[in-house]
Protein backbone atom coordinates (compact mmCIF):
# COMPACT_ATOMS: atom_id res chain seq x y z
CA UNK A 1 -58.68 -85.99 -18.49
CA UNK A 2 -56.47 -88.66 -20.04
CA UNK A 3 -53.59 -87.62 -17.78
CA UNK A 4 -55.76 -88.08 -14.71
CA UNK A 5 -56.73 -91.56 -15.86
CA UNK A 6 -53.08 -92.45 -16.51
CA UNK A 7 -52.03 -91.22 -13.09
CA UNK A 8 -54.91 -93.13 -11.49
CA UNK A 9 -53.80 -96.29 -13.27
CA UNK A 10 -50.23 -95.67 -12.09
CA UNK A 11 -51.48 -95.33 -8.52
CA UNK A 12 -53.47 -98.55 -8.85
CA UNK A 13 -50.36 -100.34 -10.14
CA UNK A 14 -48.44 -99.23 -7.04
CA UNK A 15 -51.31 -100.46 -4.86
CA UNK A 16 -51.35 -103.75 -6.79
CA UNK A 17 -47.62 -104.20 -6.22
CA UNK A 18 -48.04 -103.63 -2.50
CA UNK A 19 -51.08 -105.95 -2.41
CA UNK A 20 -48.99 -108.58 -4.19
CA UNK A 21 -46.41 -108.28 -1.45
CA UNK A 22 -49.01 -109.22 1.14
CA UNK A 23 -50.75 -111.78 -1.09
CA UNK A 24 -47.46 -113.64 -1.54
CA UNK A 25 -46.93 -113.76 2.21
CA UNK A 26 -46.06 -117.47 2.15
CA UNK A 27 -43.74 -117.14 -0.86
CA UNK A 28 -40.06 -116.36 -0.94
CA UNK A 29 -39.01 -112.86 0.02
CA UNK A 30 -37.55 -112.34 -3.46
CA UNK A 31 -40.95 -112.84 -5.09
CA UNK A 32 -42.56 -110.43 -2.67
CA UNK A 33 -39.98 -107.75 -3.40
CA UNK A 34 -40.22 -108.37 -7.14
CA UNK A 35 -43.99 -107.81 -6.98
CA UNK A 36 -43.50 -104.41 -5.35
CA UNK A 37 -40.71 -103.42 -7.76
CA UNK A 38 -42.77 -104.57 -10.75
CA UNK A 39 -45.71 -102.49 -9.56
CA UNK A 40 -43.47 -99.46 -9.12
CA UNK A 41 -41.80 -99.89 -12.51
CA UNK A 42 -45.09 -100.33 -14.34
CA UNK A 43 -46.52 -97.32 -12.51
CA UNK A 44 -43.51 -95.24 -13.48
CA UNK A 45 -43.90 -96.33 -17.12
CA UNK A 46 -47.57 -95.38 -17.15
CA UNK A 47 -46.95 -92.10 -15.33
CA UNK A 48 -44.18 -91.23 -17.78
CA UNK A 49 -46.69 -91.19 -20.62
CA UNK A 50 -48.69 -88.40 -18.94
CA UNK A 51 -47.79 -84.73 -19.17
CA UNK A 52 -47.23 -84.27 -15.41
CA UNK A 53 -45.16 -87.47 -15.42
CA UNK A 54 -42.94 -86.22 -18.24
CA UNK A 55 -42.46 -82.91 -16.44
CA UNK A 56 -41.58 -84.74 -13.21
CA UNK A 57 -39.07 -87.03 -14.91
CA UNK A 58 -37.56 -84.02 -16.70
CA UNK A 59 -37.24 -82.24 -13.36
CA UNK A 60 -35.61 -85.34 -11.83
CA UNK A 61 -33.16 -85.56 -14.75
CA UNK A 62 -32.26 -81.87 -14.36
CA UNK A 63 -31.83 -82.34 -10.60
CA UNK A 64 -29.36 -85.18 -11.13
CA UNK A 65 -27.44 -83.08 -13.66
CA UNK A 66 -27.36 -80.15 -11.22
CA UNK A 67 -26.10 -82.31 -8.36
CA UNK A 68 -23.22 -83.46 -10.59
CA UNK A 69 -22.18 -79.82 -11.07
CA UNK A 70 -21.96 -79.13 -7.35
CA UNK A 71 -18.45 -78.71 -6.02
CA UNK A 72 -18.45 -80.94 -2.97
CA UNK A 73 -16.03 -80.16 -0.12
CA UNK A 74 -12.96 -82.29 0.35
CA UNK A 75 -12.57 -84.60 3.33
CA UNK A 76 -10.18 -82.13 4.95
CA UNK A 77 -12.63 -79.23 4.54
CA UNK A 78 -15.47 -81.31 5.93
CA UNK A 79 -13.47 -82.35 8.99
CA UNK A 80 -12.32 -78.76 9.62
CA UNK A 81 -15.86 -77.40 9.36
CA UNK A 82 -17.16 -80.13 11.65
CA UNK A 83 -14.41 -79.34 14.15
CA UNK A 84 -15.32 -75.65 14.15
CA UNK A 85 -18.99 -76.46 14.71
CA UNK A 86 -18.23 -78.85 17.58
CA UNK A 87 -15.83 -76.36 19.17
CA UNK A 88 -18.42 -73.59 18.91
CA UNK A 89 -21.07 -75.84 20.48
CA UNK A 90 -18.75 -76.66 23.41
CA UNK A 91 -17.84 -73.00 23.94
CA UNK A 92 -21.50 -71.96 23.85
CA UNK A 93 -22.42 -74.73 26.29
CA UNK A 94 -19.73 -73.55 28.72
CA UNK A 95 -20.82 -69.93 28.31
CA UNK A 96 -24.48 -70.74 28.93
CA UNK A 97 -23.53 -72.90 31.94
CA UNK A 98 -21.53 -69.97 33.36
CA UNK A 99 -24.41 -67.54 32.81
CA UNK A 100 -26.87 -69.97 34.38
CA UNK A 101 -24.64 -70.63 37.38
CA UNK A 102 -24.00 -66.93 37.97
CA UNK A 103 -27.71 -66.08 37.70
CA UNK A 104 -28.48 -68.88 40.16
CA UNK A 105 -25.90 -67.46 42.57
CA UNK A 106 -27.35 -63.94 42.24
CA UNK A 107 -30.93 -65.13 42.77
CA UNK A 108 -29.93 -67.19 45.80
CA UNK A 109 -28.14 -64.19 47.35
CA UNK A 110 -31.12 -61.91 46.67
CA UNK A 111 -33.48 -64.40 48.30
CA UNK A 112 -31.21 -64.81 51.32
CA UNK A 113 -30.39 -68.43 50.75
CA UNK A 114 -26.96 -69.44 51.83
CA UNK A 115 -25.36 -72.48 50.33
């Protein structure tokens, strides 16, 4: 039950930050943005104290660690793969155009239309 209350408070803090953005409509843009960021940071702090919040932040931490272990392709590999995909798309477009044009020709001949 305490976790639900904490998450509800976190949600209300986010809502308060957004409400502050609109309440400070006549103020400088920096103050408006700070109100939203403050609401988000306070909500994150409150959510972190709950069990689901701790599990979520642990999952996020593990996700960042996992993304650092990924072997990303080099620029050359990326360009080569992109080139192959574009070439395949062009070849398929030409093939489908040829099939469509030939089927149109066959249907026109079967229906007796002369072009």
